[in-house]
Amino acid sequence: MHFDIASLLLAMTVAMLTIAIVLPAVMGEVNAPARRAQIGVMLQAAGWSLLLLSGIVESGSLADRTLSTFAMAGIAGGMAFNAIAFDLWCGRVAHDRAPALIALVLPVGYAIGFSSYAFRVGWANGLFTLQMAMVAASLWRKPEVPVGKWRGLLVISLLLQMVVTAWRGVLGAFFTESYPSFLAPHPVNLAFAVMGNATAVLSLVAILLAHRDEAARELMRLATIDGLTGVFNRRAWLAKANTDLAVSVRYSHPVAVVMIDLDHFKQVNDSRGHDAGDRALQFVAEALRSAVRAGDVVGRYGGEEFCVLMTYADQAAANAFDRRLRQRLTDNALDQLGFEVTYSAGIAMRTSPLDTLDALIKRADATLYRAKNQGRARTLDAGGLVLLPVG
């Protein structure tokens, strides 16, 4: 069976152009990683289109140099954008900049050394191989968030493509007579064209799977996180608190539940507007995250009420948390909100292995309402001691 290298490369380029056009429509509204992946596919499709066009102009001419150089920039730039997308999909905020640096250096060196066929083939394919190796190594690292099997698909396709690309670079640079041109009927060109078609398909599948994984994580986040404050919603807090309480019972660790209710919150909404009320809730949630210790669980129980489950916490630890929280509100509320925010709170301690989360919440809630009845802006601990606000 005879394989036409030009036809295989044309088919690959058409496939990549089709993917570049269809992908945004299929994915719909997207965020940063998906947008970078789309740009990456577009750049690579443009790069391969320019490379094929360079094959129909006079070899070594200015048009050949220009088209080929921009082709290298497009292919390498596309790989760099894809590398950023994959890092973001793996949950890494700081992405590897090395692939982007190669995308800048590669076309510059290619243009400068264009007159030497051996140099430009070795230079381009060598740096492409290095760039793919960097992306594969980054994908191989353990991700920061749960991801699917698309990482494996990409690593396998990149490794295979690396072998073929390195093969082309060595032949072009050191055995130029055996590899006279990009479209020559040589086994390495055939392998490269076949792998290119396979990689285009695998890349599309990987991008769609990565985008699906991210959508699933976002749905999970929306199901557990309160959209306004960023802390656990009531259902998620109850689930997490029940789990932590069971662990504390098993290992006999002390546990405290703190119920917090913002004072006169309805007046804030009525007099300052709901936007001010929302900002107050967000401010208190941030103060809670700053005041709790590692391992404590913060949730929005409903309306202006928050709840905290403190593990490994005796009464003194719960009281210290209350002081930290009140200090943060006292120090920052006026500057950040333009008005003061106070709260009433009740603390309940686990006193028996038979204590359930529901029982702790009821005791903390009853203590909270006693604090409100005594004048608000105070906390009652499990023993009924009044903890007055800071200052």
Protein backbone atom coordinates (compact mmCIF):
# COMPACT_ATOMS: atom_id res chain seq x y z
CA MET A 1 0.00 0.00 0.00
CA HIS A 2 1.39 3.39 -0.99
CA PHE A 3 1.12 6.30 1.46
CA ASP A 4 1.38 9.83 0.15
CA ILE A 5 3.12 11.93 2.84
CA ALA A 6 1.65 15.17 1.55
CA SER A 7 -1.87 13.74 1.64
CA LEU A 8 -1.42 12.49 5.21
CA LEU A 9 -0.12 15.86 6.35
CA LEU A 10 -2.91 17.64 4.50
CA ALA A 11 -5.46 15.39 6.23
CA MET A 12 -3.88 16.17 9.60
CA THR A 13 -3.94 19.91 8.91
CA VAL A 14 -7.58 19.80 7.77
CA ALA A 15 -8.44 17.86 10.93
CA MET A 16 -6.69 20.43 13.11
CA LEU A 17 -8.39 23.32 11.32
CA THR A 18 -11.74 21.61 11.79
CA ILE A 19 -11.02 21.07 15.49
CA ALA A 20 -9.95 24.71 15.86
CA ILE A 21 -13.24 25.87 14.34
CA VAL A 22 -15.54 23.37 16.04
CA LEU A 23 -13.98 23.29 19.52
CA PRO A 24 -15.21 26.72 20.71
CA ALA A 25 -18.74 25.91 19.55
CA VAL A 26 -18.71 22.51 21.27
CA MET A 27 -17.26 23.78 24.55
CA GLY A 28 -19.46 26.88 24.78
CA GLU A 29 -18.62 29.47 27.41
CA VAL A 30 -15.27 28.53 28.91
CA ASN A 31 -12.76 29.70 31.50
CA ALA A 32 -9.00 30.32 31.39
CA PRO A 33 -7.62 26.78 30.79
CA ALA A 34 -10.15 25.90 28.09
CA ARG A 35 -9.61 29.24 26.36
CA ARG A 36 -5.85 28.63 26.29
CA ALA A 37 -6.40 25.15 24.90
CA GLN A 38 -8.57 26.61 22.14
CA ILE A 39 -5.90 29.19 21.31
CA GLY A 40 -3.30 26.43 21.31
CA VAL A 41 -5.23 24.35 18.80
CA MET A 42 -5.80 27.42 16.60
CA LEU A 43 -2.11 28.31 16.60
CA GLN A 44 -1.05 24.77 15.76
CA ALA A 45 -3.61 24.54 12.96
CA ALA A 46 -2.38 27.85 11.56
CA GLY A 47 1.22 26.69 11.88
CA TRP A 48 0.67 23.49 9.95
CA SER A 49 -1.30 25.33 7.29
CA LEU A 50 1.59 27.75 6.79
CA LEU A 51 4.09 24.89 6.67
CA LEU A 52 2.15 23.16 3.91
CA LEU A 53 1.89 26.46 2.01
CA SER A 54 5.66 26.84 2.23
CA GLY A 55 5.96 23.62 0.26
CA ILE A 56 4.32 25.12 -2.82
CA VAL A 57 6.55 28.22 -3.06
CA GLU A 58 10.09 28.33 -4.37
CA SER A 59 12.44 26.54 -1.98
CA GLY A 60 14.77 28.92 -0.15
CA SER A 61 12.91 32.05 -1.28
CA LEU A 62 11.81 34.88 0.99
CA ALA A 63 8.27 33.53 0.87
CA ASP A 64 9.54 30.10 1.94
CA ARG A 65 11.53 31.63 4.82
CA THR A 66 8.60 33.78 5.97
CA LEU A 67 5.95 31.07 5.76
CA SER A 68 8.19 28.46 7.41
CA THR A 69 9.25 30.77 10.25
CA PHE A 70 5.68 31.76 11.07
CA ALA A 71 4.75 28.09 10.84
CA MET A 72 7.35 27.24 13.50
CA ALA A 73 6.06 30.07 15.68
CA GLY A 74 2.48 28.83 15.36
CA ILE A 75 3.25 25.18 16.14
CA ALA A 76 5.54 25.99 19.08
CA GLY A 77 3.20 28.69 20.36
CA GLY A 78 0.26 26.30 20.20
CA MET A 79 2.18 23.77 22.25
CA ALA A 80 3.02 26.46 24.84
CA PHE A 81 -0.63 27.50 25.20
CA ASN A 82 -1.67 23.86 25.53
CA ALA A 83 0.99 23.37 28.22
CA ILE A 84 -0.51 26.25 30.23
CA ALA A 85 -4.01 24.82 29.81
CA PHE A 86 -2.94 21.38 31.00
CA ASP A 87 -1.17 22.85 34.04
CA LEU A 88 -4.30 24.79 34.97
CA TRP A 89 -6.48 21.72 34.48
CA CYS A 90 -4.15 19.85 36.84
CA GLY A 91 -4.79 22.52 39.46
CA ARG A 92 -1.41 24.25 39.25
CA VAL A 93 -1.65 28.01 39.63
CA ALA A 94 2.00 28.58 38.69
CA HIS A 95 2.56 27.00 35.27
CA ASP A 96 5.86 26.05 33.65
CA ARG A 97 7.22 28.91 31.54
CA ALA A 98 9.87 26.84 29.74
CA PRO A 99 7.58 25.72 26.84
CA ALA A 100 6.67 29.38 26.23
CA LEU A 101 10.34 30.35 26.21
CA ILE A 102 11.02 27.68 23.57
CA ALA A 103 8.12 29.04 21.53
CA LEU A 104 9.90 32.41 21.45
CA VAL A 105 13.42 31.14 20.80
CA LEU A 106 12.61 28.49 18.20
CA PRO A 107 11.33 30.71 15.33
CA VAL A 108 14.07 33.30 15.91
CA GLY A 109 16.85 30.74 15.56
CA TYR A 110 15.01 29.10 12.67
CA ALA A 111 14.84 32.37 10.74
CA ILE A 112 18.48 33.21 11.40
CA GLY A 113 19.77 29.80 10.32
CA PHE A 114 17.23 29.21 7.55
CA SER A 115 19.85 29.12 4.80
CA SER A 116 21.35 25.94 6.34
CA TYR A 117 18.89 23.11 5.79
CA ALA A 118 20.70 20.82 8.25
CA PHE A 119 20.67 23.48 10.95
CA ARG A 120 17.03 24.48 10.64
CA VAL A 121 15.81 20.86 10.61
CA GLY A 122 17.96 19.93 13.61
CA TRP A 123 17.15 23.15 15.46
CA ALA A 124 13.38 23.00 14.98
CA ASN A 125 12.93 19.31 15.65
CA GLY A 126 15.34 19.33 18.57
CA LEU A 127 13.48 22.17 20.31
CA PHE A 128 10.09 20.64 19.47
CA THR A 129 11.28 17.42 21.11
CA LEU A 130 12.44 19.32 24.19
CA GLN A 131 9.17 21.23 24.37
CA MET A 132 7.11 18.05 24.16
CA ALA A 133 9.31 16.43 26.82
CA MET A 134 8.64 19.34 29.16
CA VAL A 135 4.89 19.12 28.63
CA ALA A 136 4.92 15.34 29.12
CA ALA A 137 6.97 15.70 32.33
CA SER A 138 4.55 18.29 33.66
CA LEU A 139 1.59 16.05 32.88
CA TRP A 140 3.32 13.12 34.57
CA ARG A 141 3.60 15.03 37.84
CA LYS A 142 0.87 14.38 40.38
CA PRO A 143 -1.97 16.85 39.78
CA GLU A 144 -3.26 19.13 42.52
CA VAL A 145 -6.89 18.20 41.80
CA PRO A 146 -8.57 14.93 40.78
CA VAL A 147 -8.33 14.43 37.00
CA GLY A 148 -9.28 11.64 34.63
CA LYS A 149 -7.32 9.45 32.24
CA TRP A 150 -6.76 12.19 29.68
CA ARG A 151 -3.32 12.78 31.18
CA GLY A 152 -2.27 9.28 30.17
CA LEU A 153 -3.56 9.76 26.64
CA LEU A 154 -1.53 12.92 26.23
CA VAL A 155 1.65 11.52 27.79
CA ILE A 156 1.59 8.47 25.50
CA SER A 157 0.94 10.53 22.38
CA LEU A 158 3.64 13.06 23.31
CA LEU A 159 6.21 10.35 23.99
CA LEU A 160 5.55 8.68 20.63
CA GLN A 161 5.64 12.02 18.85
CA MET A 162 8.89 12.89 20.63
CA VAL A 163 10.58 9.75 19.32
CA VAL A 164 9.58 10.49 15.73
CA THR A 165 10.43 14.21 16.01
CA ALA A 166 13.86 13.47 17.49
CA TRP A 167 14.44 10.92 14.71
CA ARG A 168 13.63 13.58 12.10
CA GLY A 169 15.94 16.08 13.77
CA VAL A 170 18.91 13.70 13.89
CA LEU A 171 18.44 12.62 10.27
CA GLY A 172 18.01 16.19 9.02
CA ALA A 173 20.95 17.56 10.97
CA PHE A 174 23.52 14.77 10.63
CA PHE A 175 22.35 12.54 7.76
CA THR A 176 20.90 15.15 5.47
CA GLU A 177 21.50 13.10 2.31
CA SER A 178 19.25 10.36 3.69
CA TYR A 179 16.53 12.87 4.51
CA PRO A 180 16.39 15.36 1.67
CA SER A 181 13.02 17.08 2.30
CA PHE A 182 10.00 17.29 4.58
CA LEU A 183 7.71 15.56 2.06
CA ALA A 184 10.21 12.93 0.89
CA PRO A 185 8.91 9.32 0.92
CA HIS A 186 11.02 8.38 3.93
CA PRO A 187 9.92 6.09 6.81
CA VAL A 188 10.43 8.86 9.36
CA ASN A 189 8.14 11.19 7.42
CA LEU A 190 5.53 8.45 7.17
CA ALA A 191 5.77 7.76 10.90
CA PHE A 192 5.58 11.47 11.64
CA ALA A 193 2.49 11.98 9.45
CA VAL A 194 0.70 8.97 10.97
CA MET A 195 1.57 10.04 14.51
CA GLY A 196 0.48 13.60 13.74
CA ASN A 197 -2.98 12.42 12.70
CA ALA A 198 -3.28 10.22 15.77
CA THR A 199 -2.08 13.00 18.09
CA ALA A 200 -4.60 15.46 16.66
CA VAL A 201 -7.43 13.08 17.57
CA LEU A 202 -5.99 12.22 20.99
CA SER A 203 -5.45 15.90 21.79
CA LEU A 204 -9.07 16.69 20.99
CA VAL A 205 -10.27 13.82 23.18
CA ALA A 206 -7.95 14.90 26.01
CA ILE A 207 -9.08 18.53 25.86
CA LEU A 208 -12.74 17.56 25.96
CA LEU A 209 -12.17 15.12 28.83
CA ALA A 210 -10.18 17.70 30.78
CA HIS A 211 -12.93 20.26 30.24
CA ARG A 212 -15.52 17.71 31.41
CA ASP A 213 -13.46 16.95 34.55
CA GLU A 214 -13.30 20.64 35.35
CA ALA A 215 -17.06 21.03 34.85
CA ALA A 216 -17.65 18.09 37.20
CA ARG A 217 -15.38 19.65 39.84
CA GLU A 218 -17.21 22.95 39.51
CA LEU A 219 -20.57 21.21 39.98
CA MET A 220 -19.21 19.49 43.06
CA ARG A 221 -17.93 22.81 44.38
CA LEU A 222 -21.29 24.48 43.78
CA ALA A 223 -22.99 21.60 45.59
CA THR A 224 -20.83 22.04 48.71
CA ILE A 225 -19.81 25.72 48.84
CA ASP A 226 -22.03 28.65 49.69
CA GLY A 227 -21.97 30.84 46.59
CA LEU A 228 -21.86 34.16 48.43
CA THR A 229 -19.39 33.54 51.25
CA GLY A 230 -17.19 30.74 49.93
CA VAL A 231 -17.53 28.58 53.06
CA PHE A 232 -19.35 25.24 53.26
CA ASN A 233 -23.10 25.39 52.77
CA ARG A 234 -25.32 23.86 55.44
CA ARG A 235 -25.61 20.40 53.90
CA ALA A 236 -21.88 20.09 53.22
CA TRP A 237 -20.98 21.40 56.67
CA LEU A 238 -23.26 18.86 58.34
CA ALA A 239 -21.72 16.02 56.32
CA LYS A 240 -18.15 17.07 57.07
CA ALA A 241 -18.89 17.84 60.73
CA ASN A 242 -20.52 14.43 61.23
CA THR A 243 -17.43 12.73 59.81
CA ASP A 244 -15.05 14.73 62.00
CA LEU A 245 -17.22 14.16 65.07
CA ALA A 246 -17.15 10.40 64.48
CA VAL A 247 -13.34 10.51 64.30
CA SER A 248 -13.17 12.54 67.51
CA VAL A 249 -15.37 10.02 69.31
CA ARG A 250 -13.26 7.11 68.11
CA TYR A 251 -10.01 8.67 69.33
CA SER A 252 -11.46 10.53 72.34
CA HIS A 253 -10.58 14.00 71.05
CA PRO A 254 -12.40 17.04 72.44
CA VAL A 255 -14.75 18.83 70.05
CA ALA A 256 -16.54 22.18 70.20
CA VAL A 257 -19.40 23.53 68.12
CA VAL A 258 -19.76 27.31 67.85
CA MET A 259 -22.96 28.87 66.50
CA ILE A 260 -22.64 32.52 65.41
CA ASP A 261 -25.42 34.95 64.51
CA LEU A 262 -24.73 38.49 63.23
CA ASP A 263 -26.41 41.16 65.35
CA HIS A 264 -29.12 43.34 63.82
CA PHE A 265 -28.41 42.07 60.32
CA LYS A 266 -31.89 42.94 59.08
CA GLN A 267 -31.20 46.57 59.94
CA VAL A 268 -28.06 46.48 57.78
CA ASN A 269 -30.10 45.26 54.81
CA ASP A 270 -32.91 47.72 55.44
CA SER A 271 -30.79 50.82 56.06
CA ARG A 272 -27.75 50.17 53.84
CA GLY A 273 -29.11 47.86 51.17
CA HIS A 274 -28.65 44.19 50.39
CA ASP A 275 -25.29 44.81 48.74
CA ALA A 276 -23.96 46.02 52.08
CA GLY A 277 -25.45 42.97 53.74
CA ASP A 278 -23.77 40.69 51.24
CA ARG A 279 -20.43 42.43 51.78
CA ALA A 280 -20.85 42.01 55.52
CA LEU A 281 -21.47 38.28 55.16
CA GLN A 282 -18.42 37.93 52.92
CA PHE A 283 -16.32 39.93 55.36
CA VAL A 284 -17.37 37.78 58.33
CA ALA A 285 -16.75 34.58 56.37
CA GLU A 286 -13.23 35.76 55.54
CA ALA A 287 -12.67 36.68 59.19
CA LEU A 288 -13.85 33.21 60.21
CA ARG A 289 -11.42 31.55 57.79
CA SER A 290 -8.61 33.66 59.26
CA ALA A 291 -9.55 32.99 62.89
CA VAL A 292 -10.07 29.21 62.78
CA ARG A 293 -7.25 26.71 63.07
CA ALA A 294 -6.25 24.17 60.44
CA GLY A 295 -8.80 21.35 60.51
CA ASP A 296 -11.71 23.40 61.85
CA VAL A 297 -14.82 23.37 59.65
CA VAL A 298 -16.67 26.61 58.83
CA GLY A 299 -20.13 26.70 57.31
CA ARG A 300 -22.96 29.10 56.63
CA TYR A 301 -25.86 27.56 58.50
CA GLY A 302 -28.47 29.89 57.05
CA GLY A 303 -29.09 33.59 56.49
CA GLU A 304 -26.72 35.49 58.78
CA GLU A 305 -25.87 32.44 60.90
CA PHE A 306 -22.52 30.64 60.72
CA CYS A 307 -21.32 27.47 62.42
CA VAL A 308 -17.87 26.15 63.27
CA LEU A 309 -16.86 22.65 64.27
CA MET A 310 -13.56 22.75 66.15
CA THR A 311 -11.68 19.47 66.42
CA TYR A 312 -9.06 18.84 69.12
CA ALA A 313 -10.57 21.85 70.87
CA ASP A 314 -11.29 22.19 74.57
CA GLN A 315 -13.19 25.09 76.12
CA ALA A 316 -10.07 27.26 76.25
CA ALA A 317 -9.41 26.74 72.52
CA ALA A 318 -13.01 27.63 71.66
CA ASN A 319 -12.81 30.78 73.78
CA ALA A 320 -9.52 31.75 72.15
CA PHE A 321 -11.12 31.36 68.71
CA ASP A 322 -13.96 33.66 69.76
CA ARG A 323 -11.46 36.30 70.91
CA ARG A 324 -9.54 36.10 67.63
CA LEU A 325 -12.70 36.47 65.58
CA ARG A 326 -13.98 39.43 67.58
CA GLN A 327 -10.58 41.12 67.35
CA ARG A 328 -10.58 40.78 63.54
CA LEU A 329 -14.04 42.28 63.26
CA THR A 330 -13.17 45.12 65.63
CA ASP A 331 -9.93 45.93 63.83
CA ASN A 332 -11.18 45.75 60.23
CA ALA A 333 -14.95 46.14 59.88
CA LEU A 334 -15.10 49.92 59.89
CA ASP A 335 -12.28 50.28 57.35
CA GLN A 336 -13.50 47.57 54.97
CA LEU A 337 -17.28 47.94 55.28
CA GLY A 338 -17.82 51.47 56.56
CA PHE A 339 -19.83 50.20 59.54
CA GLU A 340 -19.25 47.94 62.54
CA VAL A 341 -20.29 44.28 62.67
CA THR A 342 -20.93 42.37 65.89
CA TYR A 343 -22.27 38.93 66.60
CA SER A 344 -23.75 36.75 69.30
CA ALA A 345 -22.50 33.21 69.72
CA GLY A 346 -22.97 30.03 71.70
CA ILE A 347 -20.44 27.28 72.35
CA ALA A 348 -21.22 23.62 73.03
CA MET A 349 -18.64 20.99 74.00
CA ARG A 350 -18.91 17.26 73.36
CA THR A 351 -19.35 15.86 76.86
CA SER A 352 -20.14 12.24 76.06
CA PRO A 353 -19.30 9.66 73.35
CA LEU A 354 -23.05 9.45 72.85
CA ASP A 355 -23.28 13.11 71.87
CA THR A 356 -24.54 13.55 68.32
CA LEU A 357 -23.94 16.51 66.06
CA ASP A 358 -27.62 17.37 66.30
CA ALA A 359 -27.38 17.47 70.09
CA LEU A 360 -24.30 19.71 69.98
CA ILE A 361 -25.98 22.10 67.53
CA LYS A 362 -29.10 22.31 69.69
CA ARG A 363 -27.05 23.11 72.81
CA ALA A 364 -24.93 25.69 70.97
CA ASP A 365 -28.05 27.25 69.44
CA ALA A 366 -29.79 27.46 72.83
CA THR A 367 -26.68 29.09 74.30
CA LEU A 368 -26.57 31.51 71.36
CA TYR A 369 -30.12 32.65 71.96
CA ARG A 370 -29.40 33.18 75.65
CA ALA A 371 -26.51 35.43 74.57
CA LYS A 372 -28.87 37.38 72.29
CA ASN A 373 -31.39 37.76 75.12
CA GLN A 374 -28.67 39.09 77.43
CA GLY A 375 -27.96 42.00 75.09
CA ARG A 376 -26.17 40.58 72.01
CA ALA A 377 -22.55 41.22 70.97
CA ARG A 378 -21.37 38.48 73.34
CA THR A 379 -20.66 34.76 73.50
CA LEU A 380 -21.85 32.26 76.07
CA ASP A 381 -19.62 29.26 76.57
CA ALA A 382 -20.77 25.79 77.57
CA GLY A 383 -20.67 26.73 81.24
CA GLY A 384 -22.78 29.84 80.77
CA LEU A 385 -19.82 32.22 81.18
CA VAL A 386 -20.31 35.48 79.33
CA LEU A 387 -17.43 36.29 76.94
CA LEU A 388 -17.70 40.00 76.25
CA PRO A 389 -16.61 41.62 72.99
CA VAL A 390 -13.08 42.91 72.50
CA GLY A 391 -12.47 46.35 73.98
